[in-house]
Amino acid sequence: MPRSQEDWKELAWSKGCARKTPLDCRKGEGFVKVAAVKLPDLLEFSSNKNMSLKECKRACLKNCSDVRNGGSGCLMWFGDLIDIRDQSVKGSDQDLYMRLSASEISK
């Protein structure tokens, strides 16, 4: 959801979005695929080019103590996702799997 609803209405998106429901490893979490996007800026991330998608998911879900710090290849963001854009043009194959609380996935 927008961090500032007033700014969002005026098409000023610089404050970005915030989670509706905080992550809570005890209640379960999962991922939602956001297809064909420009990937976020690389401010706080970890990269492993040899991981499968399944291994990447497992590594991401292991990071429960502090979510903010803590295909082929795995790139995980730990801070805010900055500068994501729809890139649904022919040949765009970058997908982002966004980690959400279980209650948000079932909606």
PDB file of N, CA and C in Angstrom:
ATOM      1  N   MET A   1       0.848  -1.174   0.000  1.00  0.00           N
ATOM      2  CA  MET A   1       0.000   0.000   0.000  1.00  0.00           C
ATOM      3  C   MET A   1       0.894   1.238   0.000  1.00  0.00           C
ATOM      4  N   PRO A   2       0.444   2.355  -0.534  1.00  0.00           N
ATOM      5  CA  PRO A   2       1.268   3.566  -0.585  1.00  0.00           C
ATOM      6  C   PRO A   2       1.659   4.051   0.812  1.00  0.00           C
ATOM      7  N   ARG A   3       2.896   4.491   0.970  1.00  0.00           N
ATOM      8  CA  ARG A   3       3.329   5.060   2.262  1.00  0.00           C
ATOM      9  C   ARG A   3       2.615   6.389   2.510  1.00  0.00           C
ATOM     10  N   SER A   4       2.315   7.126   1.448  1.00  0.00           N
ATOM     11  CA  SER A   4       1.601   8.388   1.571  1.00  0.00           C
ATOM     12  C   SER A   4       0.459   8.409   0.560  1.00  0.00           C
ATOM     13  N   GLN A   5      -0.748   8.198   1.029  1.00  0.00           N
ATOM     14  CA  GLN A   5      -1.925   8.171   0.150  1.00  0.00           C
ATOM     15  C   GLN A   5      -2.121   9.514  -0.549  1.00  0.00           C
ATOM     16  N   GLU A   6      -1.850  10.626   0.164  1.00  0.00           N
ATOM     17  CA  GLU A   6      -2.018  11.958  -0.424  1.00  0.00           C
ATOM     18  C   GLU A   6      -1.055  12.158  -1.599  1.00  0.00           C
ATOM     19  N   ASP A   7       0.222  11.785  -1.401  1.00  0.00           N
ATOM     20  CA  ASP A   7       1.207  11.914  -2.477  1.00  0.00           C
ATOM     21  C   ASP A   7       0.836  11.009  -3.649  1.00  0.00           C
ATOM     22  N   TRP A   8       0.370   9.812  -3.352  1.00  0.00           N
ATOM     23  CA  TRP A   8       0.023   8.839  -4.392  1.00  0.00           C
ATOM     24  C   TRP A   8      -1.074   9.396  -5.299  1.00  0.00           C
ATOM     25  N   LYS A   9      -2.067  10.042  -4.691  1.00  0.00           N
ATOM     26  CA  LYS A   9      -3.165  10.622  -5.469  1.00  0.00           C
ATOM     27  C   LYS A   9      -2.671  11.712  -6.411  1.00  0.00           C
ATOM     28  N   GLU A  10      -1.573  12.392  -6.024  1.00  0.00           N
ATOM     29  CA  GLU A  10      -0.996  13.454  -6.845  1.00  0.00           C
ATOM     30  C   GLU A  10       0.095  12.924  -7.778  1.00  0.00           C
ATOM     31  N   LEU A  11       0.170  11.602  -7.922  1.00  0.00           N
ATOM     32  CA  LEU A  11       1.140  10.931  -8.784  1.00  0.00           C
ATOM     33  C   LEU A  11       2.585  11.180  -8.356  1.00  0.00           C
ATOM     34  N   ALA A  12       2.801  11.424  -7.078  1.00  0.00           N
ATOM     35  CA  ALA A  12       4.148  11.567  -6.510  1.00  0.00           C
ATOM     36  C   ALA A  12       4.436  10.281  -5.740  1.00  0.00           C
ATOM     37  N   TRP A  13       5.197   9.396  -6.359  1.00  0.00           N
ATOM     38  CA  TRP A  13       5.394   8.059  -5.802  1.00  0.00           C
ATOM     39  C   TRP A  13       6.728   7.874  -5.103  1.00  0.00           C
ATOM     40  N   SER A  14       7.463   8.940  -4.843  1.00  0.00           N
ATOM     41  CA  SER A  14       8.825   8.825  -4.319  1.00  0.00           C
ATOM     42  C   SER A  14       8.897   8.185  -2.935  1.00  0.00           C
ATOM     43  N   LYS A  15       7.826   8.216  -2.169  1.00  0.00           N
ATOM     44  CA  LYS A  15       7.848   7.584  -0.835  1.00  0.00           C
ATOM     45  C   LYS A  15       7.574   6.092  -0.910  1.00  0.00           C
ATOM     46  N   GLY A  16       7.187   5.598  -2.074  1.00  0.00           N
ATOM     47  CA  GLY A  16       7.032   4.166  -2.292  1.00  0.00           C
ATOM     48  C   GLY A  16       5.866   3.538  -1.562  1.00  0.00           C
ATOM     49  N   CYS A  17       5.991   2.229  -1.354  1.00  0.00           N
ATOM     50  CA  CYS A  17       4.931   1.442  -0.735  1.00  0.00           C
ATOM     51  C   CYS A  17       5.416   0.780   0.547  1.00  0.00           C
ATOM     52  N   ALA A  18       4.470   0.330   1.334  1.00  0.00           N
ATOM     53  CA  ALA A  18       4.763  -0.404   2.562  1.00  0.00           C
ATOM     54  C   ALA A  18       3.926  -1.678   2.574  1.00  0.00           C
ATOM     55  N   ARG A  19       4.369  -2.665   3.302  1.00  0.00           N
ATOM     56  CA  ARG A  19       3.609  -3.917   3.419  1.00  0.00           C
ATOM     57  C   ARG A  19       2.279  -3.672   4.129  1.00  0.00           C
ATOM     58  N   LYS A  20       1.240  -4.361   3.698  1.00  0.00           N
ATOM     59  CA  LYS A  20      -0.041  -4.318   4.398  1.00  0.00           C
ATOM     60  C   LYS A  20       0.044  -5.164   5.655  1.00  0.00           C
ATOM     61  N   THR A  21       0.715  -6.302   5.546  1.00  0.00           N
ATOM     62  CA  THR A  21       0.853  -7.231   6.655  1.00  0.00           C
ATOM     63  C   THR A  21       2.328  -7.549   6.848  1.00  0.00           C
ATOM     64  N   PRO A  22       2.882  -7.290   8.035  1.00  0.00           N
ATOM     65  CA  PRO A  22       4.299  -7.599   8.274  1.00  0.00           C
ATOM     66  C   PRO A  22       4.566  -9.094   8.122  1.00  0.00           C
ATOM     67  N   LEU A  23       5.808  -9.426   7.745  1.00  0.00           N
ATOM     68  CA  LEU A  23       6.187 -10.828   7.647  1.00  0.00           C
ATOM     69  C   LEU A  23       6.290 -11.425   9.044  1.00  0.00           C
ATOM     70  N   ASP A  24       5.865 -12.673   9.175  1.00  0.00           N
ATOM     71  CA  ASP A  24       5.919 -13.386  10.453  1.00  0.00           C
ATOM     72  C   ASP A  24       6.173 -14.851  10.156  1.00  0.00           C
ATOM     73  N   CYS A  25       7.416 -15.276  10.319  1.00  0.00           N
ATOM     74  CA  CYS A  25       7.807 -16.641   9.952  1.00  0.00           C
ATOM     75  C   CYS A  25       7.008 -17.711  10.690  1.00  0.00           C
ATOM     76  N   ARG A  26       6.499 -17.406  11.862  1.00  0.00           N
ATOM     77  CA  ARG A  26       5.743 -18.405  12.620  1.00  0.00           C
ATOM     78  C   ARG A  26       4.400 -18.725  11.971  1.00  0.00           C
ATOM     79  N   LYS A  27       3.862 -17.800  11.184  1.00  0.00           N
ATOM     80  CA  LYS A  27       2.545 -18.004  10.569  1.00  0.00           C
ATOM     81  C   LYS A  27       2.641 -18.452   9.122  1.00  0.00           C
ATOM     82  N   GLY A  28       3.850 -18.560   8.598  1.00  0.00           N
ATOM     83  CA  GLY A  28       4.024 -19.006   7.225  1.00  0.00           C
ATOM     84  C   GLY A  28       4.056 -17.853   6.250  1.00  0.00           C
ATOM     85  N   GLU A  29       4.817 -18.066   5.192  1.00  0.00           N
ATOM     86  CA  GLU A  29       4.964 -17.065   4.153  1.00  0.00           C
ATOM     87  C   GLU A  29       5.106 -17.769   2.820  1.00  0.00           C
ATOM     88  N   GLY A  30       5.020 -17.003   1.773  1.00  0.00           N
ATOM     89  CA  GLY A  30       5.200 -17.553   0.442  1.00  0.00           C
ATOM     90  C   GLY A  30       5.555 -16.445  -0.515  1.00  0.00           C
ATOM     91  N   PHE A  31       5.434 -16.740  -1.797  1.00  0.00           N
ATOM     92  CA  PHE A  31       5.853 -15.800  -2.821  1.00  0.00           C
ATOM     93  C   PHE A  31       4.768 -15.599  -3.863  1.00  0.00           C
ATOM     94  N   VAL A  32       4.701 -14.392  -4.385  1.00  0.00           N
ATOM     95  CA  VAL A  32       3.810 -14.058  -5.477  1.00  0.00           C
ATOM     96  C   VAL A  32       4.690 -13.582  -6.632  1.00  0.00           C
ATOM     97  N   LYS A  33       4.461 -14.130  -7.808  1.00  0.00           N
ATOM     98  CA  LYS A  33       5.260 -13.775  -8.977  1.00  0.00           C
ATOM     99  C   LYS A  33       4.764 -12.470  -9.579  1.00  0.00           C
ATOM    100  N   VAL A  34       5.682 -11.541  -9.795  1.00  0.00           N
ATOM    101  CA  VAL A  34       5.404 -10.294 -10.496  1.00  0.00           C
ATOM    102  C   VAL A  34       6.197 -10.399 -11.795  1.00  0.00           C
ATOM    103  N   ALA A  35       5.498 -10.630 -12.904  1.00  0.00           N
ATOM    104  CA  ALA A  35       6.155 -10.932 -14.173  1.00  0.00           C
ATOM    105  C   ALA A  35       6.536  -9.677 -14.947  1.00  0.00           C
ATOM    106  N   ALA A  36       7.613  -9.798 -15.700  1.00  0.00           N
ATOM    107  CA  ALA A  36       8.061  -8.795 -16.672  1.00  0.00           C
ATOM    108  C   ALA A  36       8.203  -7.404 -16.070  1.00  0.00           C
ATOM    109  N   VAL A  37       9.126  -7.266 -15.132  1.00  0.00           N
ATOM    110  CA  VAL A  37       9.376  -5.967 -14.512  1.00  0.00           C
ATOM    111  C   VAL A  37      10.844  -5.593 -14.642  1.00  0.00           C
ATOM    112  N   LYS A  38      11.113  -4.294 -14.545  1.00  0.00           N
ATOM    113  CA  LYS A  38      12.483  -3.830 -14.380  1.00  0.00           C
ATOM    114  C   LYS A  38      12.809  -4.140 -12.933  1.00  0.00           C
ATOM    115  N   LEU A  39      13.880  -4.851 -12.709  1.00  0.00           N
ATOM    116  CA  LEU A  39      14.216  -5.250 -11.348  1.00  0.00           C
ATOM    117  C   LEU A  39      14.609  -4.046 -10.503  1.00  0.00           C
ATOM    118  N   PRO A  40      14.425  -4.143  -9.186  1.00  0.00           N
ATOM    119  CA  PRO A  40      14.709  -3.010  -8.293  1.00  0.00           C
ATOM    120  C   PRO A  40      16.183  -2.605  -8.304  1.00  0.00           C
ATOM    121  N   ASP A  41      16.444  -1.373  -7.871  1.00  0.00           N
ATOM    122  CA  ASP A  41      17.817  -0.925  -7.703  1.00  0.00           C
ATOM    123  C   ASP A  41      18.504  -1.806  -6.674  1.00  0.00           C
ATOM    124  N   LEU A  42      19.788  -1.996  -6.833  1.00  0.00           N
ATOM    125  CA  LEU A  42      20.549  -2.905  -5.970  1.00  0.00           C
ATOM    126  C   LEU A  42      21.167  -2.161  -4.791  1.00  0.00           C
ATOM    127  N   LEU A  43      20.379  -1.916  -3.756  1.00  0.00           N
ATOM    128  CA  LEU A  43      20.889  -1.222  -2.580  1.00  0.00           C
ATOM    129  C   LEU A  43      21.297  -2.208  -1.488  1.00  0.00           C
ATOM    130  N   GLU A  44      20.423  -3.123  -1.130  1.00  0.00           N
ATOM    131  CA  GLU A  44      20.708  -4.143  -0.120  1.00  0.00           C
ATOM    132  C   GLU A  44      20.334  -5.478  -0.725  1.00  0.00           C
ATOM    133  N   PHE A  45      21.343  -6.271  -1.150  1.00  0.00           N
ATOM    134  CA  PHE A  45      21.025  -7.496  -1.860  1.00  0.00           C
ATOM    135  C   PHE A  45      22.092  -8.557  -1.640  1.00  0.00           C
ATOM    136  N   SER A  46      21.764  -9.767  -2.044  1.00  0.00           N
ATOM    137  CA  SER A  46      22.673 -10.909  -2.037  1.00  0.00           C
ATOM    138  C   SER A  46      22.491 -11.617  -3.371  1.00  0.00           C
ATOM    139  N   SER A  47      23.588 -12.105  -3.952  1.00  0.00           N
ATOM    140  CA  SER A  47      23.511 -12.737  -5.260  1.00  0.00           C
ATOM    141  C   SER A  47      24.234 -14.074  -5.275  1.00  0.00           C
ATOM    142  N   ASN A  48      23.647 -15.065  -5.963  1.00  0.00           N
ATOM    143  CA  ASN A  48      24.274 -16.367  -6.173  1.00  0.00           C
ATOM    144  C   ASN A  48      23.806 -16.866  -7.533  1.00  0.00           C
ATOM    145  N   LYS A  49      24.686 -16.868  -8.526  1.00  0.00           N
ATOM    146  CA  LYS A  49      24.325 -17.242  -9.892  1.00  0.00           C
ATOM    147  C   LYS A  49      24.126 -18.738 -10.071  1.00  0.00           C
ATOM    148  N   ASN A  50      24.533 -19.559  -9.102  1.00  0.00           N
ATOM    149  CA  ASN A  50      24.455 -21.012  -9.247  1.00  0.00           C
ATOM    150  C   ASN A  50      23.229 -21.635  -8.592  1.00  0.00           C
ATOM    151  N   MET A  51      22.386 -20.855  -7.932  1.00  0.00           N
ATOM    152  CA  MET A  51      21.206 -21.392  -7.245  1.00  0.00           C
ATOM    153  C   MET A  51      20.046 -21.601  -8.206  1.00  0.00           C
ATOM    154  N   SER A  52      19.284 -22.658  -7.959  1.00  0.00           N
ATOM    155  CA  SER A  52      18.033 -22.854  -8.687  1.00  0.00           C
ATOM    156  C   SER A  52      16.961 -21.988  -8.034  1.00  0.00           C
ATOM    157  N   LEU A  53      15.819 -21.875  -8.680  1.00  0.00           N
ATOM    158  CA  LEU A  53      14.708 -21.111  -8.114  1.00  0.00           C
ATOM    159  C   LEU A  53      14.255 -21.722  -6.789  1.00  0.00           C
ATOM    160  N   LYS A  54      14.224 -23.045  -6.712  1.00  0.00           N
ATOM    161  CA  LYS A  54      13.812 -23.735  -5.486  1.00  0.00           C
ATOM    162  C   LYS A  54      14.805 -23.461  -4.346  1.00  0.00           C
ATOM    163  N   GLU A  55      16.098 -23.484  -4.646  1.00  0.00           N
ATOM    164  CA  GLU A  55      17.119 -23.205  -3.633  1.00  0.00           C
ATOM    165  C   GLU A  55      17.052 -21.748  -3.181  1.00  0.00           C
ATOM    166  N   CYS A  56      16.773 -20.848  -4.109  1.00  0.00           N
ATOM    167  CA  CYS A  56      16.648 -19.423  -3.782  1.00  0.00           C
ATOM    168  C   CYS A  56      15.471 -19.201  -2.823  1.00  0.00           C
ATOM    169  N   LYS A  57      14.351 -19.843  -3.111  1.00  0.00           N
ATOM    170  CA  LYS A  57      13.176 -19.737  -2.247  1.00  0.00           C
ATOM    171  C   LYS A  57      13.503 -20.221  -0.844  1.00  0.00           C
ATOM    172  N   ARG A  58      14.180 -21.367  -0.755  1.00  0.00           N
ATOM    173  CA  ARG A  58      14.535 -21.941   0.542  1.00  0.00           C
ATOM    174  C   ARG A  58      15.474 -20.995   1.307  1.00  0.00           C
ATOM    175  N   ALA A  59      16.462 -20.416   0.623  1.00  0.00           N
ATOM    176  CA  ALA A  59      17.404 -19.492   1.261  1.00  0.00           C
ATOM    177  C   ALA A  59      16.690 -18.228   1.752  1.00  0.00           C
ATOM    178  N   CYS A  60      15.769 -17.719   0.960  1.00  0.00           N
ATOM    179  CA  CYS A  60      15.029 -16.518   1.338  1.00  0.00           C
ATOM    180  C   CYS A  60      14.171 -16.782   2.575  1.00  0.00           C
ATOM    181  N   LEU A  61      13.480 -17.911   2.595  1.00  0.00           N
ATOM    182  CA  LEU A  61      12.600 -18.222   3.722  1.00  0.00           C
ATOM    183  C   LEU A  61      13.367 -18.524   5.003  1.00  0.00           C
ATOM    184  N   LYS A  62      14.656 -18.885   4.905  1.00  0.00           N
ATOM    185  CA  LYS A  62      15.477 -19.123   6.094  1.00  0.00           C
ATOM    186  C   LYS A  62      15.757 -17.828   6.843  1.00  0.00           C
ATOM    187  N   ASN A  63      15.699 -16.699   6.143  1.00  0.00           N
ATOM    188  CA  ASN A  63      16.031 -15.409   6.733  1.00  0.00           C
ATOM    189  C   ASN A  63      14.812 -14.876   7.486  1.00  0.00           C
ATOM    190  N   CYS A  64      14.618 -15.363   8.712  1.00  0.00           N
ATOM    191  CA  CYS A  64      13.442 -14.977   9.489  1.00  0.00           C
ATOM    192  C   CYS A  64      13.759 -14.048  10.650  1.00  0.00           C
ATOM    193  N   SER A  65      14.982 -14.052  11.154  1.00  0.00           N
ATOM    194  CA  SER A  65      15.283 -13.257  12.336  1.00  0.00           C
ATOM    195  C   SER A  65      15.193 -11.760  12.058  1.00  0.00           C
ATOM    196  N   ASP A  66      15.619 -11.335  10.868  1.00  0.00           N
ATOM    197  CA  ASP A  66      15.559  -9.918  10.503  1.00  0.00           C
ATOM    198  C   ASP A  66      15.435  -9.838   8.993  1.00  0.00           C
ATOM    199  N   VAL A  67      14.225  -9.699   8.499  1.00  0.00           N
ATOM    200  CA  VAL A  67      13.953  -9.743   7.070  1.00  0.00           C
ATOM    201  C   VAL A  67      14.743  -8.682   6.310  1.00  0.00           C
ATOM    202  N   ARG A  68      14.970  -7.514   6.916  1.00  0.00           N
ATOM    203  CA  ARG A  68      15.656  -6.428   6.214  1.00  0.00           C
ATOM    204  C   ARG A  68      17.168  -6.633   6.149  1.00  0.00           C
ATOM    205  N   ASN A  69      17.789  -7.462   6.995  1.00  0.00           N
ATOM    206  CA  ASN A  69      19.247  -7.618   6.995  1.00  0.00           C
ATOM    207  C   ASN A  69      19.627  -9.083   6.812  1.00  0.00           C
ATOM    208  N   GLY A  70      19.603  -9.344   6.526  1.00  0.00           N
ATOM    209  CA  GLY A  70      19.964 -10.732   6.536  1.00  0.00           C
ATOM    210  C   GLY A  70      20.290 -11.448   5.155  1.00  0.00           C
ATOM    211  N   GLY A  71      14.724 -19.956 -11.469  1.00  0.00           N
ATOM    212  CA  GLY A  71      15.411 -20.048 -12.666  1.00  0.00           C
ATOM    213  C   GLY A  71      16.818 -20.511 -12.511  1.00  0.00           C
ATOM    214  N   SER A  72      17.624 -19.615 -12.876  1.00  0.00           N
ATOM    215  CA  SER A  72      19.045 -19.825 -12.751  1.00  0.00           C
ATOM    216  C   SER A  72      19.593 -18.596 -12.080  1.00  0.00           C
ATOM    217  N   GLY A  73      20.118 -18.771 -10.915  1.00  0.00           N
ATOM    218  CA  GLY A  73      20.648 -17.652 -10.176  1.00  0.00           C
ATOM    219  C   GLY A  73      19.645 -17.152  -9.155  1.00  0.00           C
ATOM    220  N   CYS A  74      20.178 -16.450  -8.171  1.00  0.00           N
ATOM    221  CA  CYS A  74      19.335 -15.979  -7.072  1.00  0.00           C
ATOM    222  C   CYS A  74      19.813 -14.602  -6.656  1.00  0.00           C
ATOM    223  N   LEU A  75      18.938 -13.636  -6.697  1.00  0.00           N
ATOM    224  CA  LEU A  75      19.238 -12.283  -6.268  1.00  0.00           C
ATOM    225  C   LEU A  75      18.159 -11.896  -5.267  1.00  0.00           C
ATOM    226  N   MET A  76      18.561 -11.673  -4.008  1.00  0.00           N
ATOM    227  CA  MET A  76      17.594 -11.355  -2.955  1.00  0.00           C
ATOM    228  C   MET A  76      17.806  -9.928  -2.485  1.00  0.00           C
ATOM    229  N   TRP A  77      16.700  -9.171  -2.382  1.00  0.00           N
ATOM    230  CA  TRP A  77      16.725  -7.812  -1.860  1.00  0.00           C
ATOM    231  C   TRP A  77      16.275  -7.847  -0.418  1.00  0.00           C
ATOM    232  N   PHE A  78      16.936  -7.044   0.438  1.00  0.00           N
ATOM    233  CA  PHE A  78      16.598  -7.021   1.858  1.00  0.00           C
ATOM    234  C   PHE A  78      16.061  -5.678   2.312  1.00  0.00           C
ATOM    235  N   GLY A  79      16.207  -4.661   1.526  1.00  0.00           N
ATOM    236  CA  GLY A  79      15.698  -3.337   1.867  1.00  0.00           C
ATOM    237  C   GLY A  79      14.454  -3.033   1.061  1.00  0.00           C
ATOM    238  N   ASP A  80      14.180  -1.764   0.883  1.00  0.00           N
ATOM    239  CA  ASP A  80      13.032  -1.350   0.074  1.00  0.00           C
ATOM    240  C   ASP A  80      13.274  -1.708  -1.388  1.00  0.00           C
ATOM    241  N   LEU A  81      12.215  -2.055  -2.090  1.00  0.00           N
ATOM    242  CA  LEU A  81      12.301  -2.339  -3.525  1.00  0.00           C
ATOM    243  C   LEU A  81      12.096  -1.014  -4.260  1.00  0.00           C
ATOM    244  N   ILE A  82      13.191  -0.443  -4.731  1.00  0.00           N
ATOM    245  CA  ILE A  82      13.157   0.893  -5.317  1.00  0.00           C
ATOM    246  C   ILE A  82      13.218   0.815  -6.833  1.00  0.00           C
ATOM    247  N   ASP A  83      12.342   1.559  -7.494  1.00  0.00           N
ATOM    248  CA  ASP A  83      12.365   1.743  -8.942  1.00  0.00           C
ATOM    249  C   ASP A  83      11.945   0.507  -9.727  1.00  0.00           C
ATOM    250  N   ILE A  84      10.900  -0.180  -9.289  1.00  0.00           N
ATOM    251  CA  ILE A  84      10.351  -1.299 -10.054  1.00  0.00           C
ATOM    252  C   ILE A  84       9.393  -0.709 -11.087  1.00  0.00           C
ATOM    253  N   ARG A  85       9.473  -1.211 -12.315  1.00  0.00           N
ATOM    254  CA  ARG A  85       8.588  -0.710 -13.372  1.00  0.00           C
ATOM    255  C   ARG A  85       8.078  -1.862 -14.211  1.00  0.00           C
ATOM    256  N   ASP A  86       6.860  -1.725 -14.689  1.00  0.00           N
ATOM    257  CA  ASP A  86       6.290  -2.698 -15.623  1.00  0.00           C
ATOM    258  C   ASP A  86       7.111  -2.671 -16.901  1.00  0.00           C
ATOM    259  N   GLN A  87       7.483  -3.849 -17.360  1.00  0.00           N
ATOM    260  CA  GLN A  87       8.303  -3.943 -18.558  1.00  0.00           C
ATOM    261  C   GLN A  87       7.733  -5.021 -19.474  1.00  0.00           C
ATOM    262  N   SER A  88       6.417  -5.022 -19.601  1.00  0.00           N
ATOM    263  CA  SER A  88       5.749  -6.078 -20.354  1.00  0.00           C
ATOM    264  C   SER A  88       5.866  -5.836 -21.861  1.00  0.00           C
ATOM    265  N   VAL A  89       7.091  -5.872 -22.324  1.00  0.00           N
ATOM    266  CA  VAL A  89       7.369  -5.758 -23.754  1.00  0.00           C
ATOM    267  C   VAL A  89       7.959  -7.067 -24.237  1.00  0.00           C
ATOM    268  N   LYS A  90       7.885  -7.316 -25.520  1.00  0.00           N
ATOM    269  CA  LYS A  90       8.386  -8.557 -26.086  1.00  0.00           C
ATOM    270  C   LYS A  90       9.862  -8.741 -25.733  1.00  0.00           C
ATOM    271  N   GLY A  91      10.195  -9.926 -25.245  1.00  0.00           N
ATOM    272  CA  GLY A  91      11.573 -10.232 -24.891  1.00  0.00           C
ATOM    273  C   GLY A  91      11.921  -9.945 -23.437  1.00  0.00           C
ATOM    274  N   SER A  92      10.997  -9.374 -22.690  1.00  0.00           N
ATOM    275  CA  SER A  92      11.239  -9.099 -21.272  1.00  0.00           C
ATOM    276  C   SER A  92      10.960 -10.360 -20.467  1.00  0.00           C
ATOM    277  N   ASP A  93      11.979 -10.901 -19.825  1.00  0.00           N
ATOM    278  CA  ASP A  93      11.772 -12.152 -19.094  1.00  0.00           C
ATOM    279  C   ASP A  93      12.238 -12.073 -17.643  1.00  0.00           C
ATOM    280  N   GLN A  94      12.341 -10.871 -17.095  1.00  0.00           N
ATOM    281  CA  GLN A  94      12.738 -10.719 -15.705  1.00  0.00           C
ATOM    282  C   GLN A  94      11.498 -10.789 -14.820  1.00  0.00           C
ATOM    283  N   ASP A  95      11.478 -11.782 -13.951  1.00  0.00           N
ATOM    284  CA  ASP A  95      10.366 -11.937 -13.025  1.00  0.00           C
ATOM    285  C   ASP A  95      10.866 -11.713 -11.609  1.00  0.00           C
ATOM    286  N   LEU A  96      10.023 -11.136 -10.786  1.00  0.00           N
ATOM    287  CA  LEU A  96      10.328 -10.872  -9.391  1.00  0.00           C
ATOM    288  C   LEU A  96       9.360 -11.700  -8.558  1.00  0.00           C
ATOM    289  N   TYR A  97       9.867 -12.411  -7.570  1.00  0.00           N
ATOM    290  CA  TYR A  97       9.017 -13.168  -6.654  1.00  0.00           C
ATOM    291  C   TYR A  97       8.999 -12.410  -5.340  1.00  0.00           C
ATOM    292  N   MET A  98       7.865 -11.807  -5.020  1.00  0.00           N
ATOM    293  CA  MET A  98       7.738 -10.983  -3.841  1.00  0.00           C
ATOM    294  C   MET A  98       7.283 -11.828  -2.650  1.00  0.00           C
ATOM    295  N   ARG A  99       8.030 -11.738  -1.566  1.00  0.00           N
ATOM    296  CA  ARG A  99       7.724 -12.490  -0.351  1.00  0.00           C
ATOM    297  C   ARG A  99       6.615 -11.777   0.410  1.00  0.00           C
ATOM    298  N   LEU A 100       5.553 -12.535   0.712  1.00  0.00           N
ATOM    299  CA  LEU A 100       4.406 -11.972   1.424  1.00  0.00           C
ATOM    300  C   LEU A 100       3.999 -12.898   2.561  1.00  0.00           C
ATOM    301  N   SER A 101       3.267 -12.343   3.504  1.00  0.00           N
ATOM    302  CA  SER A 101       2.725 -13.174   4.576  1.00  0.00           C
ATOM    303  C   SER A 101       1.662 -14.097   3.987  1.00  0.00           C
ATOM    304  N   ALA A 102       1.442 -15.230   4.625  1.00  0.00           N
ATOM    305  CA  ALA A 102       0.474 -16.216   4.125  1.00  0.00           C
ATOM    306  C   ALA A 102      -0.912 -15.607   3.989  1.00  0.00           C
ATOM    307  N   SER A 103      -1.288 -14.705   4.892  1.00  0.00           N
ATOM    308  CA  SER A 103      -2.626 -14.105   4.835  1.00  0.00           C
ATOM    309  C   SER A 103      -2.796 -13.236   3.591  1.00  0.00           C
ATOM    310  N   GLU A 104      -1.731 -12.626   3.086  1.00  0.00           N
ATOM    311  CA  GLU A 104      -1.807 -11.805   1.877  1.00  0.00           C
ATOM    312  C   GLU A 104      -1.869 -12.665   0.613  1.00  0.00           C
ATOM    313  N   ILE A 105      -1.236 -13.814   0.640  1.00  0.00           N
ATOM    314  CA  ILE A 105      -1.221 -14.693  -0.532  1.00  0.00           C
ATOM    315  C   ILE A 105      -2.589 -15.318  -0.773  1.00  0.00           C
ATOM    316  N   SER A 106      -3.295 -15.644   0.268  1.00  0.00           N
ATOM    317  CA  SER A 106      -4.578 -16.323   0.124  1.00  0.00           C
ATOM    318  C   SER A 106      -5.711 -15.397  -0.305  1.00  0.00           C
ATOM    319  N   LYS A 107      -5.473 -14.086  -0.343  1.00  0.00           N
ATOM    320  CA  LYS A 107      -6.540 -13.128  -0.705  1.00  0.00           C
ATOM    321  C   LYS A 107      -6.813 -13.138  -2.178  1.00  0.00           C
TER     322      LYS A 107
END
